[in-house]
Amino acid sequence: MTSSPVAKTPEPPYYIVTFASRRTAGDHGYDNMGDEMERLAREQPGFLGLESVRGADGFGLTNSYWADEESIAAWKNNVRLLTAQRLGRERWYEDYQVRVGKIERQYGFERP
């Protein structure tokens, strides 16, 4: 059995940062940077989980979950993330939107 790509989050409240993007053609170091960003995010205090998908058409959606707004602000100021953001605008994205919200409730299903 493989592990689920669905993040296991605690009971609310907590926060979500949603990153919706459309990629440019070619890798140009994107995959390596993406792996590094995920590793660094997981090391950040307040990080709760991550879910990410990308379609063949280049559209992707990444949800990261955080304990509080302070944790999000600390991650946003990570020097390596700032580099990735700059490279994203220069090389990797046609466009993107970042949205931040507070999760007030959740429910789900998992087959036993």
Protein backbone atom coordinates (compact mmCIF):
# COMPACT_ATOMS: atom_id res chain seq x y z
CA MET A 1 0.00 0.00 0.00
CA THR A 2 1.34 3.43 -0.92
CA SER A 3 1.00 6.46 1.28
CA SER A 4 -1.74 8.91 0.39
CA PRO A 5 -0.85 12.21 -1.31
CA VAL A 6 -3.59 13.78 0.84
CA ALA A 7 -2.02 15.74 3.71
CA LYS A 8 -2.88 14.57 7.22
CA THR A 9 -3.71 17.81 9.00
CA PRO A 10 -4.70 18.44 12.61
CA GLU A 11 -8.10 19.59 13.75
CA PRO A 12 -8.76 23.21 12.72
CA PRO A 13 -8.12 26.02 12.97
CA TYR A 14 -4.96 26.20 10.88
CA TYR A 15 -3.95 28.02 7.70
CA ILE A 16 -3.63 27.16 4.02
CA VAL A 17 -1.44 28.75 1.37
CA THR A 18 -2.65 27.82 -2.12
CA PHE A 19 -0.31 28.33 -5.06
CA ALA A 20 -2.01 28.01 -8.46
CA SER A 21 0.34 28.28 -11.43
CA ARG A 22 0.80 27.75 -15.12
CA ARG A 23 4.28 26.60 -16.16
CA THR A 24 6.48 27.67 -19.04
CA ALA A 25 7.89 24.99 -21.36
CA GLY A 26 11.00 23.10 -20.24
CA ASP A 27 12.41 22.27 -16.82
CA HIS A 28 15.23 24.85 -16.44
CA GLY A 29 15.99 23.52 -12.93
CA TYR A 30 12.36 23.58 -11.80
CA ASP A 31 12.16 20.00 -10.50
CA ASN A 32 15.33 20.31 -8.43
CA MET A 33 14.19 23.59 -6.91
CA GLY A 34 10.74 22.17 -6.21
CA ASP A 35 12.27 19.24 -4.33
CA GLU A 36 14.44 21.62 -2.32
CA MET A 37 11.50 23.91 -1.49
CA GLU A 38 9.42 20.97 -0.26
CA ARG A 39 12.29 19.72 1.92
CA LEU A 40 12.88 23.20 3.39
CA ALA A 41 9.17 23.81 3.99
CA ARG A 42 8.90 20.53 5.90
CA GLU A 43 11.73 21.72 8.18
CA GLN A 44 9.99 25.02 9.01
CA PRO A 45 8.35 25.44 12.43
CA GLY A 46 4.58 25.47 12.01
CA PHE A 47 4.53 23.43 8.79
CA LEU A 48 1.65 20.90 8.85
CA GLY A 49 1.53 19.32 5.40
CA LEU A 50 1.60 19.66 1.62
CA GLU A 51 -0.41 18.53 -1.40
CA SER A 52 0.68 19.21 -4.97
CA VAL A 53 -0.50 18.25 -8.47
CA ARG A 54 0.38 19.37 -11.98
CA GLY A 55 -1.46 18.52 -15.18
CA ALA A 56 0.03 17.77 -18.58
CA ASP A 57 -1.16 21.22 -19.69
CA GLY A 58 1.20 22.89 -17.19
CA PHE A 59 -1.45 23.96 -14.68
CA GLY A 60 -0.54 23.11 -11.11
CA LEU A 61 -1.92 23.54 -7.64
CA THR A 62 0.03 23.29 -4.39
CA ASN A 63 -1.60 23.57 -0.98
CA SER A 64 0.62 23.98 2.05
CA TYR A 65 -0.79 23.93 5.56
CA TRP A 66 0.54 25.96 8.47
CA ALA A 67 -0.17 26.27 12.19
CA ASP A 68 -0.45 30.06 12.16
CA GLU A 69 0.17 33.23 10.20
CA GLU A 70 3.56 33.74 11.88
CA SER A 71 4.77 30.43 10.44
CA ILE A 72 3.64 31.50 6.97
CA ALA A 73 5.42 34.85 7.32
CA ALA A 74 8.64 33.14 8.45
CA TRP A 75 8.52 30.78 5.46
CA LYS A 76 7.77 33.66 3.08
CA ASN A 77 10.99 35.36 4.26
CA ASN A 78 13.19 32.26 3.79
CA VAL A 79 16.17 33.37 1.67
CA ARG A 80 16.08 30.28 -0.51
CA LEU A 81 12.32 30.67 -1.12
CA LEU A 82 12.92 34.28 -2.18
CA THR A 83 15.44 32.98 -4.75
CA ALA A 84 12.93 30.39 -6.00
CA GLN A 85 10.27 33.11 -6.33
CA ARG A 86 12.60 35.28 -8.40
CA LEU A 87 13.53 32.36 -10.65
CA GLY A 88 9.86 31.45 -10.96
CA ARG A 89 9.04 34.86 -12.40
CA GLU A 90 12.11 34.76 -14.67
CA ARG A 91 11.95 31.14 -15.92
CA TRP A 92 9.23 28.81 -14.70
CA TYR A 93 5.79 30.45 -14.66
CA GLU A 94 3.51 32.03 -17.22
CA ASP A 95 1.38 33.21 -14.32
CA TYR A 96 0.47 32.31 -10.75
CA GLN A 97 -1.74 33.27 -7.84
CA VAL A 98 -1.08 32.82 -4.13
CA ARG A 99 -4.04 32.69 -1.78
CA VAL A 100 -3.94 32.45 2.01
CA GLY A 101 -6.85 31.41 4.16
CA LYS A 102 -7.85 30.09 7.53
CA ILE A 103 -9.28 26.58 7.68
CA GLU A 104 -12.20 26.59 10.09
CA ARG A 105 -13.51 23.05 9.58
CA GLN A 106 -12.65 19.87 7.74
CA TYR A 107 -14.05 16.42 7.07
CA GLY A 108 -13.07 13.51 4.89
CA PHE A 109 -13.09 9.83 4.14
CA GLU A 110 -10.42 7.16 4.07
CA ARG A 111 -11.06 3.60 2.92
CA PRO A 112 -9.88 1.11 5.54
